[in-house]
């Protein structure tokens, strides 16, 4: 494998490597059709396809990690829900009491 610098269409220089890939005839025909339709080289199409594939895999891995984190969070909440409660009132009622704005209280700053 020989690496050589190559100027990309955006003007940035990047190292490229020449590789040999074996493809079935129908896949090569499809690749050539896309290349002709888009006025690209085979290499351009393969590069774009590889970048797209790697991006999809990365997003899939991130999605899976997010799904696992959500499941773990839900399990934790379910376990927390099994714990005995110190106060059976709704949380909004408790918050209003703490803030001093329970129903029937005067709004802060009025009437003083």
PDB file of N, CA and C in Angstrom:
ATOM      1  N   UNK A   1       0.848  -1.175   0.000  1.00  0.00           N
ATOM      2  CA  UNK A   1       0.000   0.000   0.000  1.00  0.00           C
ATOM      3  C   UNK A   1       0.891   1.234   0.000  1.00  0.00           C
ATOM      4  N   UNK A   2       0.660   2.096  -0.951  1.00  0.00           N
ATOM      5  CA  UNK A   2       1.446   3.310  -1.047  1.00  0.00           C
ATOM      6  C   UNK A   2       0.538   4.499  -0.818  1.00  0.00           C
ATOM      7  N   UNK A   3       0.895   5.336   0.154  1.00  0.00           N
ATOM      8  CA  UNK A   3       0.086   6.520   0.428  1.00  0.00           C
ATOM      9  C   UNK A   3       0.639   7.685  -0.368  1.00  0.00           C
ATOM     10  N   UNK A   4      -0.264   8.491  -0.882  1.00  0.00           N
ATOM     11  CA  UNK A   4       0.166   9.677  -1.611  1.00  0.00           C
ATOM     12  C   UNK A   4      -0.807  10.803  -1.326  1.00  0.00           C
ATOM     13  N   UNK A   5      -0.300  12.044  -1.270  1.00  0.00           N
ATOM     14  CA  UNK A   5      -1.219  13.164  -1.045  1.00  0.00           C
ATOM     15  C   UNK A   5      -2.098  13.367  -2.263  1.00  0.00           C
ATOM     16  N   UNK A   6      -3.287  13.806  -2.035  1.00  0.00           N
ATOM     17  CA  UNK A   6      -4.222  14.035  -3.135  1.00  0.00           C
ATOM     18  C   UNK A   6      -5.021  15.286  -2.807  1.00  0.00           C
ATOM     19  N   UNK A   7      -5.227  16.126  -3.801  1.00  0.00           N
ATOM     20  CA  UNK A   7      -6.061  17.308  -3.620  1.00  0.00           C
ATOM     21  C   UNK A   7      -7.501  16.903  -3.891  1.00  0.00           C
ATOM     22  N   UNK A   8      -8.361  17.183  -2.924  1.00  0.00           N
ATOM     23  CA  UNK A   8      -9.781  16.879  -3.095  1.00  0.00           C
ATOM     24  C   UNK A   8     -10.453  18.070  -3.744  1.00  0.00           C
ATOM     25  N   UNK A   9     -11.660  17.863  -4.231  1.00  0.00           N
ATOM     26  CA  UNK A   9     -12.374  18.918  -4.948  1.00  0.00           C
ATOM     27  C   UNK A   9     -12.588  20.158  -4.088  1.00  0.00           C
ATOM     28  N   UNK A  10     -12.665  20.008  -2.759  1.00  0.00           N
ATOM     29  CA  UNK A  10     -12.838  21.154  -1.871  1.00  0.00           C
ATOM     30  C   UNK A  10     -11.546  21.924  -1.653  1.00  0.00           C
ATOM     31  N   UNK A  11     -10.428  21.422  -2.200  1.00  0.00           N
ATOM     32  CA  UNK A  11      -9.167  22.114  -2.074  1.00  0.00           C
ATOM     33  C   UNK A  11      -8.305  21.626  -0.923  1.00  0.00           C
ATOM     34  N   UNK A  12      -8.854  20.768  -0.053  1.00  0.00           N
ATOM     35  CA  UNK A  12      -8.050  20.291   1.072  1.00  0.00           C
ATOM     36  C   UNK A  12      -7.225  19.086   0.648  1.00  0.00           C
ATOM     37  N   UNK A  13      -6.022  19.007   1.165  1.00  0.00           N
ATOM     38  CA  UNK A  13      -5.126  17.912   0.836  1.00  0.00           C
ATOM     39  C   UNK A  13      -5.300  16.817   1.878  1.00  0.00           C
ATOM     40  N   UNK A  14      -5.385  15.586   1.414  1.00  0.00           N
ATOM     41  CA  UNK A  14      -5.527  14.463   2.330  1.00  0.00           C
ATOM     42  C   UNK A  14      -4.732  13.291   1.777  1.00  0.00           C
ATOM     43  N   UNK A  15      -4.303  12.412   2.653  1.00  0.00           N
ATOM     44  CA  UNK A  15      -3.558  11.235   2.202  1.00  0.00           C
ATOM     45  C   UNK A  15      -4.554  10.194   1.709  1.00  0.00           C
ATOM     46  N   UNK A  16      -4.226   9.595   0.578  1.00  0.00           N
ATOM     47  CA  UNK A  16      -5.084   8.544   0.040  1.00  0.00           C
ATOM     48  C   UNK A  16      -4.265   7.277  -0.146  1.00  0.00           C
ATOM     49  N   UNK A  17      -4.952   6.166  -0.184  1.00  0.00           N
ATOM     50  CA  UNK A  17      -4.328   4.868  -0.385  1.00  0.00           C
ATOM     51  C   UNK A  17      -5.069   4.167  -1.509  1.00  0.00           C
ATOM     52  N   UNK A  18      -4.315   3.550  -2.396  1.00  0.00           N
ATOM     53  CA  UNK A  18      -4.936   2.790  -3.481  1.00  0.00           C
ATOM     54  C   UNK A  18      -5.245   1.389  -2.953  1.00  0.00           C
ATOM     55  N   UNK A  19      -6.480   0.937  -3.153  1.00  0.00           N
ATOM     56  CA  UNK A  19      -6.885  -0.395  -2.708  1.00  0.00           C
ATOM     57  C   UNK A  19      -7.496  -1.152  -3.879  1.00  0.00           C
ATOM     58  N   UNK A  20      -7.461  -2.450  -3.788  1.00  0.00           N
ATOM     59  CA  UNK A  20      -8.101  -3.301  -4.785  1.00  0.00           C
ATOM     60  C   UNK A  20      -9.298  -3.956  -4.116  1.00  0.00           C
ATOM     61  N   UNK A  21     -10.456  -3.849  -4.760  1.00  0.00           N
ATOM     62  CA  UNK A  21     -11.686  -4.392  -4.202  1.00  0.00           C
ATOM     63  C   UNK A  21     -12.309  -5.325  -5.231  1.00  0.00           C
ATOM     64  N   UNK A  22     -12.782  -6.465  -4.784  1.00  0.00           N
ATOM     65  CA  UNK A  22     -13.474  -7.407  -5.654  1.00  0.00           C
ATOM     66  C   UNK A  22     -14.971  -7.223  -5.462  1.00  0.00           C
ATOM     67  N   UNK A  23     -15.688  -6.995  -6.574  1.00  0.00           N
ATOM     68  CA  UNK A  23     -17.136  -6.775  -6.525  1.00  0.00           C
ATOM     69  C   UNK A  23     -17.841  -7.710  -7.494  1.00  0.00           C
ATOM     70  N   UNK A  24     -19.040  -8.148  -7.154  1.00  0.00           N
ATOM     71  CA  UNK A  24     -19.836  -8.916  -8.114  1.00  0.00           C
ATOM     72  C   UNK A  24     -20.189  -8.022  -9.309  1.00  0.00           C
ATOM     73  N   UNK A  25     -20.404  -8.652 -10.463  1.00  0.00           N
ATOM     74  CA  UNK A  25     -20.697  -7.902 -11.694  1.00  0.00           C
ATOM     75  C   UNK A  25     -21.878  -6.952 -11.539  1.00  0.00           C
ATOM     76  N   UNK A  26     -22.952  -7.408 -10.894  1.00  0.00           N
ATOM     77  CA  UNK A  26     -24.134  -6.550 -10.785  1.00  0.00           C
ATOM     78  C   UNK A  26     -23.870  -5.331  -9.901  1.00  0.00           C
ATOM     79  N   UNK A  27     -23.059  -5.499  -8.867  1.00  0.00           N
ATOM     80  CA  UNK A  27     -22.727  -4.368  -8.004  1.00  0.00           C
ATOM     81  C   UNK A  27     -21.841  -3.366  -8.752  1.00  0.00           C
ATOM     82  N   UNK A  28     -20.894  -3.879  -9.526  1.00  0.00           N
ATOM     83  CA  UNK A  28     -20.036  -3.007 -10.323  1.00  0.00           C
ATOM     84  C   UNK A  28     -20.856  -2.263 -11.375  1.00  0.00           C
ATOM     85  N   UNK A  29     -21.810  -2.937 -11.983  1.00  0.00           N
ATOM     86  CA  UNK A  29     -22.666  -2.282 -12.981  1.00  0.00           C
ATOM     87  C   UNK A  29     -23.472  -1.160 -12.332  1.00  0.00           C
ATOM     88  N   UNK A  30     -23.989  -1.410 -11.145  1.00  0.00           N
ATOM     89  CA  UNK A  30     -24.734  -0.374 -10.433  1.00  0.00           C
ATOM     90  C   UNK A  30     -23.840   0.794 -10.064  1.00  0.00           C
ATOM     91  N   UNK A  31     -22.621   0.496  -9.624  1.00  0.00           N
ATOM     92  CA  UNK A  31     -21.662   1.540  -9.277  1.00  0.00           C
ATOM     93  C   UNK A  31     -21.325   2.382 -10.510  1.00  0.00           C
ATOM     94  N   UNK A  32     -21.081   1.720 -11.634  1.00  0.00           N
ATOM     95  CA  UNK A  32     -20.775   2.441 -12.872  1.00  0.00           C
ATOM     96  C   UNK A  32     -21.952   3.290 -13.330  1.00  0.00           C
ATOM     97  N   UNK A  33     -23.160   2.789 -13.149  1.00  0.00           N
ATOM     98  CA  UNK A  33     -24.347   3.553 -13.552  1.00  0.00           C
ATOM     99  C   UNK A  33     -24.465   4.832 -12.725  1.00  0.00           C
ATOM    100  N   UNK A  34     -24.245   4.719 -11.425  1.00  0.00           N
ATOM    101  CA  UNK A  34     -24.298   5.907 -10.561  1.00  0.00           C
ATOM    102  C   UNK A  34     -23.188   6.877 -10.941  1.00  0.00           C
ATOM    103  N   UNK A  35     -21.988   6.358 -11.178  1.00  0.00           N
ATOM    104  CA  UNK A  35     -20.860   7.213 -11.547  1.00  0.00           C
ATOM    105  C   UNK A  35     -21.166   7.976 -12.832  1.00  0.00           C
ATOM    106  N   UNK A  36     -21.715   7.297 -13.830  1.00  0.00           N
ATOM    107  CA  UNK A  36     -22.044   7.958 -15.098  1.00  0.00           C
ATOM    108  C   UNK A  36     -23.148   8.987 -14.903  1.00  0.00           C
ATOM    109  N   UNK A  37     -24.169   8.625 -14.151  1.00  0.00           N
ATOM    110  CA  UNK A  37     -25.305   9.523 -13.913  1.00  0.00           C
ATOM    111  C   UNK A  37     -24.876  10.787 -13.178  1.00  0.00           C
ATOM    112  N   UNK A  38     -23.941  10.651 -12.250  1.00  0.00           N
ATOM    113  CA  UNK A  38     -23.502  11.781 -11.425  1.00  0.00           C
ATOM    114  C   UNK A  38     -22.224  12.444 -11.950  1.00  0.00           C
ATOM    115  N   UNK A  39     -21.709  11.957 -13.076  1.00  0.00           N
ATOM    116  CA  UNK A  39     -20.442  12.456 -13.646  1.00  0.00           C
ATOM    117  C   UNK A  39     -19.303  12.351 -12.629  1.00  0.00           C
ATOM    118  N   UNK A  40     -19.198  11.183 -12.014  1.00  0.00           N
ATOM    119  CA  UNK A  40     -18.162  10.912 -11.022  1.00  0.00           C
ATOM    120  C   UNK A  40     -17.318   9.731 -11.477  1.00  0.00           C
ATOM    121  N   UNK A  41     -16.191   9.542 -10.827  1.00  0.00           N
ATOM    122  CA  UNK A  41     -15.389   8.350 -11.086  1.00  0.00           C
ATOM    123  C   UNK A  41     -15.876   7.224 -10.174  1.00  0.00           C
ATOM    124  N   UNK A  42     -15.464   6.016 -10.486  1.00  0.00           N
ATOM    125  CA  UNK A  42     -15.779   4.889  -9.603  1.00  0.00           C
ATOM    126  C   UNK A  42     -15.253   5.169  -8.199  1.00  0.00           C
ATOM    127  N   UNK A  43     -14.036   5.680  -8.137  1.00  0.00           N
ATOM    128  CA  UNK A  43     -13.435   5.971  -6.828  1.00  0.00           C
ATOM    129  C   UNK A  43     -14.271   6.966  -6.045  1.00  0.00           C
ATOM    130  N   UNK A  44     -14.789   7.989  -6.733  1.00  0.00           N
ATOM    131  CA  UNK A  44     -15.634   8.974  -6.055  1.00  0.00           C
ATOM    132  C   UNK A  44     -16.867   8.306  -5.448  1.00  0.00           C
ATOM    133  N   UNK A  45     -17.494   7.429  -6.234  1.00  0.00           N
ATOM    134  CA  UNK A  45     -18.711   6.757  -5.761  1.00  0.00           C
ATOM    135  C   UNK A  45     -18.380   5.834  -4.587  1.00  0.00           C
ATOM    136  N   UNK A  46     -17.298   5.089  -4.694  1.00  0.00           N
ATOM    137  CA  UNK A  46     -16.905   4.178  -3.613  1.00  0.00           C
ATOM    138  C   UNK A  46     -16.562   4.974  -2.356  1.00  0.00           C
ATOM    139  N   UNK A  47     -15.833   6.092  -2.507  1.00  0.00           N
ATOM    140  CA  UNK A  47     -15.499   6.942  -1.353  1.00  0.00           C
ATOM    141  C   UNK A  47     -16.760   7.448  -0.672  1.00  0.00           C
ATOM    142  N   UNK A  48     -17.699   7.954  -1.481  1.00  0.00           N
ATOM    143  CA  UNK A  48     -18.950   8.480  -0.918  1.00  0.00           C
ATOM    144  C   UNK A  48     -19.748   7.372  -0.232  1.00  0.00           C
ATOM    145  N   UNK A  49     -19.803   6.204  -0.866  1.00  0.00           N
ATOM    146  CA  UNK A  49     -20.540   5.080  -0.280  1.00  0.00           C
ATOM    147  C   UNK A  49     -19.901   4.643   1.042  1.00  0.00           C
ATOM    148  N   UNK A  50     -18.573   4.585   1.075  1.00  0.00           N
ATOM    149  CA  UNK A  50     -17.882   4.179   2.306  1.00  0.00           C
ATOM    150  C   UNK A  50     -18.121   5.199   3.415  1.00  0.00           C
ATOM    151  N   UNK A  51     -18.035   6.483   3.081  1.00  0.00           N
ATOM    152  CA  UNK A  51     -18.265   7.530   4.086  1.00  0.00           C
ATOM    153  C   UNK A  51     -19.695   7.464   4.613  1.00  0.00           C
ATOM    154  N   UNK A  52     -20.650   7.249   3.719  1.00  0.00           N
ATOM    155  CA  UNK A  52     -22.050   7.146   4.128  1.00  0.00           C
ATOM    156  C   UNK A  52     -22.252   5.935   5.036  1.00  0.00           C
ATOM    157  N   UNK A  53     -21.701   4.803   4.651  1.00  0.00           N
ATOM    158  CA  UNK A  53     -21.829   3.577   5.436  1.00  0.00           C
ATOM    159  C   UNK A  53     -21.233   3.752   6.831  1.00  0.00           C
ATOM    160  N   UNK A  54     -20.040   4.335   6.899  1.00  0.00           N
ATOM    161  CA  UNK A  54     -19.406   4.539   8.202  1.00  0.00           C
ATOM    162  C   UNK A  54     -20.201   5.513   9.058  1.00  0.00           C
ATOM    163  N   UNK A  55     -20.777   6.538   8.442  1.00  0.00           N
ATOM    164  CA  UNK A  55     -21.614   7.481   9.183  1.00  0.00           C
ATOM    165  C   UNK A  55     -22.858   6.815   9.743  1.00  0.00           C
ATOM    166  N   UNK A  56     -23.479   5.967   8.935  1.00  0.00           N
ATOM    167  CA  UNK A  56     -24.679   5.246   9.382  1.00  0.00           C
ATOM    168  C   UNK A  56     -24.330   4.314  10.541  1.00  0.00           C
ATOM    169  N   UNK A  57     -23.210   3.620  10.432  1.00  0.00           N
ATOM    170  CA  UNK A  57     -22.788   2.720  11.522  1.00  0.00           C
ATOM    171  C   UNK A  57     -22.529   3.488  12.802  1.00  0.00           C
ATOM    172  N   UNK A  58     -21.881   4.644  12.677  1.00  0.00           N
ATOM    173  CA  UNK A  58     -21.589   5.454  13.862  1.00  0.00           C
ATOM    174  C   UNK A  58     -22.885   5.921  14.508  1.00  0.00           C
ATOM    175  N   UNK A  59     -23.823   6.414  13.693  1.00  0.00           N
ATOM    176  CA  UNK A  59     -25.112   6.863  14.239  1.00  0.00           C
ATOM    177  C   UNK A  59     -25.861   5.701  14.872  1.00  0.00           C
ATOM    178  N   UNK A  60     -25.792   4.523  14.254  1.00  0.00           N
ATOM    179  CA  UNK A  60     -26.460   3.349  14.823  1.00  0.00           C
ATOM    180  C   UNK A  60     -25.879   3.003  16.188  1.00  0.00           C
ATOM    181  N   UNK A  61     -24.561   3.075  16.310  1.00  0.00           N
ATOM    182  CA  UNK A  61     -23.917   2.784  17.596  1.00  0.00           C
ATOM    183  C   UNK A  61     -24.323   3.829  18.635  1.00  0.00           C
ATOM    184  N   UNK A  62     -24.385   5.096  18.224  1.00  0.00           N
ATOM    185  CA  UNK A  62     -24.801   6.156  19.147  1.00  0.00           C
ATOM    186  C   UNK A  62     -26.258   5.969  19.554  1.00  0.00           C
ATOM    187  N   UNK A  63     -27.111   5.610  18.585  1.00  0.00           N
ATOM    188  CA  UNK A  63     -28.526   5.365  18.890  1.00  0.00           C
ATOM    189  C   UNK A  63     -28.676   4.215  19.880  1.00  0.00           C
ATOM    190  N   UNK A  64     -27.895   3.153  19.687  1.00  0.00           N
ATOM    191  CA  UNK A  64     -27.963   1.999  20.587  1.00  0.00           C
ATOM    192  C   UNK A  64     -27.506   2.390  21.989  1.00  0.00           C
ATOM    193  N   UNK A  65     -26.438   3.167  22.083  1.00  0.00           N
ATOM    194  CA  UNK A  65     -25.955   3.615  23.398  1.00  0.00           C
ATOM    195  C   UNK A  65     -27.012   4.469  24.084  1.00  0.00           C
ATOM    196  N   UNK A  66     -27.683   5.323  23.317  1.00  0.00           N
ATOM    197  CA  UNK A  66     -28.743   6.171  23.872  1.00  0.00           C
ATOM    198  C   UNK A  66     -29.916   5.312  24.346  1.00  0.00           C
ATOM    199  N   UNK A  67     -30.273   4.295  23.552  1.00  0.00           N
ATOM    200  CA  UNK A  67     -31.375   3.404  23.918  1.00  0.00           C
ATOM    201  C   UNK A  67     -31.063   2.668  25.222  1.00  0.00           C
ATOM    202  N   UNK A  68     -29.844   2.169  25.336  1.00  0.00           N
ATOM    203  CA  UNK A  68     -29.431   1.457  26.552  1.00  0.00           C
ATOM    204  C   UNK A  68     -29.476   2.398  27.749  1.00  0.00           C
ATOM    205  N   UNK A  69     -28.998   3.630  27.573  1.00  0.00           N
ATOM    206  CA  UNK A  69     -29.009   4.601  28.676  1.00  0.00           C
ATOM    207  C   UNK A  69     -30.437   4.906  29.120  1.00  0.00           C
ATOM    208  N   UNK A  70     -31.349   5.032  28.164  1.00  0.00           N
ATOM    209  CA  UNK A  70     -32.754   5.300  28.507  1.00  0.00           C
ATOM    210  C   UNK A  70     -33.339   4.108  29.256  1.00  0.00           C
ATOM    211  N   UNK A  71     -33.068   2.891  28.775  1.00  0.00           N
ATOM    212  CA  UNK A  71     -33.572   1.697  29.465  1.00  0.00           C
ATOM    213  C   UNK A  71     -33.049   1.622  30.898  1.00  0.00           C
ATOM    214  N   UNK A  72     -31.763   1.911  31.070  1.00  0.00           N
ATOM    215  CA  UNK A  72     -31.185   1.883  32.419  1.00  0.00           C
ATOM    216  C   UNK A  72     -31.815   2.954  33.300  1.00  0.00           C
ATOM    217  N   UNK A  73     -32.067   4.124  32.729  1.00  0.00           N
ATOM    218  CA  UNK A  73     -32.720   5.196  33.476  1.00  0.00           C
ATOM    219  C   UNK A  73     -34.123   4.812  33.901  1.00  0.00           C
ATOM    220  N   UNK A  74     -34.854   4.171  32.997  1.00  0.00           N
ATOM    221  CA  UNK A  74     -36.216   3.737  33.326  1.00  0.00           C
ATOM    222  C   UNK A  74     -36.208   2.666  34.415  1.00  0.00           C
ATOM    223  N   UNK A  75     -35.252   1.736  34.330  1.00  0.00           N
ATOM    224  CA  UNK A  75     -35.142   0.705  35.374  1.00  0.00           C
ATOM    225  C   UNK A  75     -34.847   1.351  36.725  1.00  0.00           C
ATOM    226  N   UNK A  76     -33.959   2.347  36.725  1.00  0.00           N
ATOM    227  CA  UNK A  76     -33.631   3.050  37.966  1.00  0.00           C
ATOM    228  C   UNK A  76     -34.866   3.740  38.530  1.00  0.00           C
ATOM    229  N   UNK A  77     -35.655   4.372  37.661  1.00  0.00           N
ATOM    230  CA  UNK A  77     -36.877   5.037  38.117  1.00  0.00           C
ATOM    231  C   UNK A  77     -37.882   4.032  38.674  1.00  0.00           C
ATOM    232  N   UNK A  78     -37.983   2.856  38.033  1.00  0.00           N
ATOM    233  CA  UNK A  78     -38.888   1.821  38.532  1.00  0.00           C
ATOM    234  C   UNK A  78     -38.451   1.352  39.920  1.00  0.00           C
ATOM    235  N   UNK A  79     -37.149   1.175  40.114  1.00  0.00           N
ATOM    236  CA  UNK A  79     -36.637   0.774  41.427  1.00  0.00           C
ATOM    237  C   UNK A  79     -36.888   1.873  42.453  1.00  0.00           C
ATOM    238  N   UNK A  80     -36.675   3.099  42.060  1.00  0.00           N
ATOM    239  CA  UNK A  80     -36.910   4.233  42.949  1.00  0.00           C
ATOM    240  C   UNK A  80     -38.375   4.305  43.356  1.00  0.00           C
ATOM    241  N   UNK A  81     -39.260   3.967  42.423  1.00  0.00           N
ATOM    242  CA  UNK A  81     -40.697   4.009  42.696  1.00  0.00           C
ATOM    243  C   UNK A  81     -41.099   2.972  43.743  1.00  0.00           C
ATOM    244  N   UNK A  82     -40.296   1.910  43.882  1.00  0.00           N
ATOM    245  CA  UNK A  82     -40.594   0.865  44.864  1.00  0.00           C
ATOM    246  C   UNK A  82     -40.189   1.272  46.281  1.00  0.00           C
ATOM    247  N   UNK A  83     -39.333   2.287  46.395  1.00  0.00           N
ATOM    248  CA  UNK A  83     -38.871   2.744  47.707  1.00  0.00           C
ATOM    249  C   UNK A  83     -40.033   3.368  48.477  1.00  0.00           C
ATOM    250  N   UNK A  84     -40.006   3.259  49.813  1.00  0.00           N
ATOM    251  CA  UNK A  84     -41.081   3.888  50.601  1.00  0.00           C
ATOM    252  C   UNK A  84     -41.023   5.408  50.459  1.00  0.00           C
ATOM    253  N   UNK A  85     -42.194   6.008  50.452  1.00  0.00           N
ATOM    254  CA  UNK A  85     -42.288   7.460  50.304  1.00  0.00           C
ATOM    255  C   UNK A  85     -42.377   8.100  51.685  1.00  0.00           C
ATOM    256  N   UNK A  86     -41.706   9.230  51.823  1.00  0.00           N
ATOM    257  CA  UNK A  86     -41.771   9.965  53.080  1.00  0.00           C
ATOM    258  C   UNK A  86     -42.977  10.888  53.100  1.00  0.00           C
ATOM    259  N   UNK A  87     -43.484  11.233  51.929  1.00  0.00           N
ATOM    260  CA  UNK A  87     -44.611  12.161  51.822  1.00  0.00           C
ATOM    261  C   UNK A  87     -45.455  11.703  50.631  1.00  0.00           C
ATOM    262  N   UNK A  88     -46.722  11.389  50.866  1.00  0.00           N
ATOM    263  CA  UNK A  88     -47.572  10.870  49.798  1.00  0.00           C
ATOM    264  C   UNK A  88     -48.223  11.951  48.949  1.00  0.00           C
ATOM    265  N   UNK A  89     -47.975  13.210  49.280  1.00  0.00           N
ATOM    266  CA  UNK A  89     -48.585  14.283  48.492  1.00  0.00           C
ATOM    267  C   UNK A  89     -47.943  14.353  47.107  1.00  0.00           C
ATOM    268  N   UNK A  90     -48.686  14.902  46.135  1.00  0.00           N
ATOM    269  CA  UNK A  90     -48.096  15.100  44.806  1.00  0.00           C
ATOM    270  C   UNK A  90     -46.893  16.047  44.902  1.00  0.00           C
ATOM    271  N   UNK A  91     -45.890  15.811  44.061  1.00  0.00           N
ATOM    272  CA  UNK A  91     -44.666  16.613  44.118  1.00  0.00           C
ATOM    273  C   UNK A  91     -44.937  18.092  43.871  1.00  0.00           C
ATOM    274  N   UNK A  92     -45.908  18.426  43.018  1.00  0.00           N
ATOM    275  CA  UNK A  92     -46.219  19.830  42.756  1.00  0.00           C
ATOM    276  C   UNK A  92     -46.698  20.527  44.029  1.00  0.00           C
ATOM    277  N   UNK A  93     -47.485  19.821  44.799  1.00  0.00           N
ATOM    278  CA  UNK A  93     -47.971  20.391  46.060  1.00  0.00           C
ATOM    279  C   UNK A  93     -46.806  20.660  47.013  1.00  0.00           C
ATOM    280  N   UNK A  94     -45.870  19.732  47.078  1.00  0.00           N
ATOM    281  CA  UNK A  94     -44.703  19.902  47.946  1.00  0.00           C
ATOM    282  C   UNK A  94     -43.859  21.082  47.468  1.00  0.00           C
ATOM    283  N   UNK A  95     -43.645  21.183  46.168  1.00  0.00           N
ATOM    284  CA  UNK A  95     -42.866  22.298  45.620  1.00  0.00           C
ATOM    285  C   UNK A  95     -43.528  23.640  45.912  1.00  0.00           C
ATOM    286  N   UNK A  96     -44.832  23.699  45.745  1.00  0.00           N
ATOM    287  CA  UNK A  96     -45.542  24.952  46.028  1.00  0.00           C
ATOM    288  C   UNK A  96     -45.399  25.328  47.500  1.00  0.00           C
ATOM    289  N   UNK A  97     -45.451  24.334  48.369  1.00  0.00           N
ATOM    290  CA  UNK A  97     -45.284  24.605  49.801  1.00  0.00           C
ATOM    291  C   UNK A  97     -43.889  25.164  50.077  1.00  0.00           C
ATOM    292  N   UNK A  98     -42.890  24.557  49.476  1.00  0.00           N
ATOM    293  CA  UNK A  98     -41.512  25.006  49.674  1.00  0.00           C
ATOM    294  C   UNK A  98     -41.331  26.432  49.167  1.00  0.00           C
ATOM    295  N   UNK A  99     -41.918  26.739  48.001  1.00  0.00           N
ATOM    296  CA  UNK A  99     -41.794  28.080  47.421  1.00  0.00           C
ATOM    297  C   UNK A  99     -42.711  29.085  48.093  1.00  0.00           C
ATOM    298  N   UNK A 100     -43.664  28.594  48.850  1.00  0.00           N
ATOM    299  CA  UNK A 100     -44.604  29.491  49.513  1.00  0.00           C
ATOM    300  C   UNK A 100     -45.689  30.004  48.591  1.00  0.00           C
ATOM    301  N   UNK A 101     -45.990  29.266  47.544  1.00  0.00           N
ATOM    302  CA  UNK A 101     -47.063  29.697  46.644  1.00  0.00           C
ATOM    303  C   UNK A 101     -48.147  28.625  46.517  1.00  0.00           C
ATOM    304  N   UNK A 102     -48.483  28.032  47.642  1.00  0.00           N
ATOM    305  CA  UNK A 102     -49.547  27.031  47.662  1.00  0.00           C
ATOM    306  C   UNK A 102     -50.869  27.706  47.324  1.00  0.00           C
ATOM    307  N   UNK A 103     -51.835  26.954  46.771  1.00  0.00           N
ATOM    308  CA  UNK A 103     -53.139  27.553  46.453  1.00  0.00           C
ATOM    309  C   UNK A 103     -53.702  28.259  47.680  1.00  0.00           C
ATOM    310  N   UNK A 104     -54.168  29.482  47.459  1.00  0.00           N
ATOM    311  CA  UNK A 104     -54.717  30.270  48.552  1.00  0.00           C
ATOM    312  C   UNK A 104     -53.706  31.247  49.122  1.00  0.00           C
ATOM    313  N   UNK A 105     -52.405  31.028  48.860  1.00  0.00           N
ATOM    314  CA  UNK A 105     -51.387  31.978  49.315  1.00  0.00           C
ATOM    315  C   UNK A 105     -51.416  33.212  48.426  1.00  0.00           C
ATOM    316  N   UNK A 106     -51.012  34.352  48.989  1.00  0.00           N
ATOM    317  CA  UNK A 106     -50.912  35.574  48.192  1.00  0.00           C
ATOM    318  C   UNK A 106     -49.667  35.487  47.335  1.00  0.00           C
ATOM    319  N   UNK A 107     -49.748  35.892  46.046  1.00  0.00           N
ATOM    320  CA  UNK A 107     -48.550  35.894  45.205  1.00  0.00           C
ATOM    321  C   UNK A 107     -47.483  36.790  45.819  1.00  0.00           C
ATOM    322  N   UNK A 108     -46.235  36.427  45.660  1.00  0.00           N
ATOM    323  CA  UNK A 108     -45.118  37.192  46.227  1.00  0.00           C
ATOM    324  C   UNK A 108     -45.128  38.613  45.697  1.00  0.00           C
ATOM    325  N   UNK A 109     -44.909  39.578  46.575  1.00  0.00           N
ATOM    326  CA  UNK A 109     -44.821  40.975  46.175  1.00  0.00           C
ATOM    327  C   UNK A 109     -46.142  41.705  46.174  1.00  0.00           C
ATOM    328  N   UNK A 110     -47.250  41.034  46.360  1.00  0.00           N
ATOM    329  CA  UNK A 110     -48.555  41.691  46.360  1.00  0.00           C
ATOM    330  C   UNK A 110     -49.087  41.764  47.786  1.00  0.00           C
ATOM    331  N   UNK A 111     -49.759  42.842  48.090  1.00  0.00           N
ATOM    332  CA  UNK A 111     -50.417  42.997  49.378  1.00  0.00           C
ATOM    333  C   UNK A 111     -49.461  43.315  50.506  1.00  0.00           C
ATOM    334  N   UNK A 112     -48.229  43.640  50.202  1.00  0.00           N
ATOM    335  CA  UNK A 112     -47.279  43.984  51.270  1.00  0.00           C
ATOM    336  C   UNK A 112     -46.974  45.446  51.290  1.00  0.00           C
TER     337      UNK A 112
END
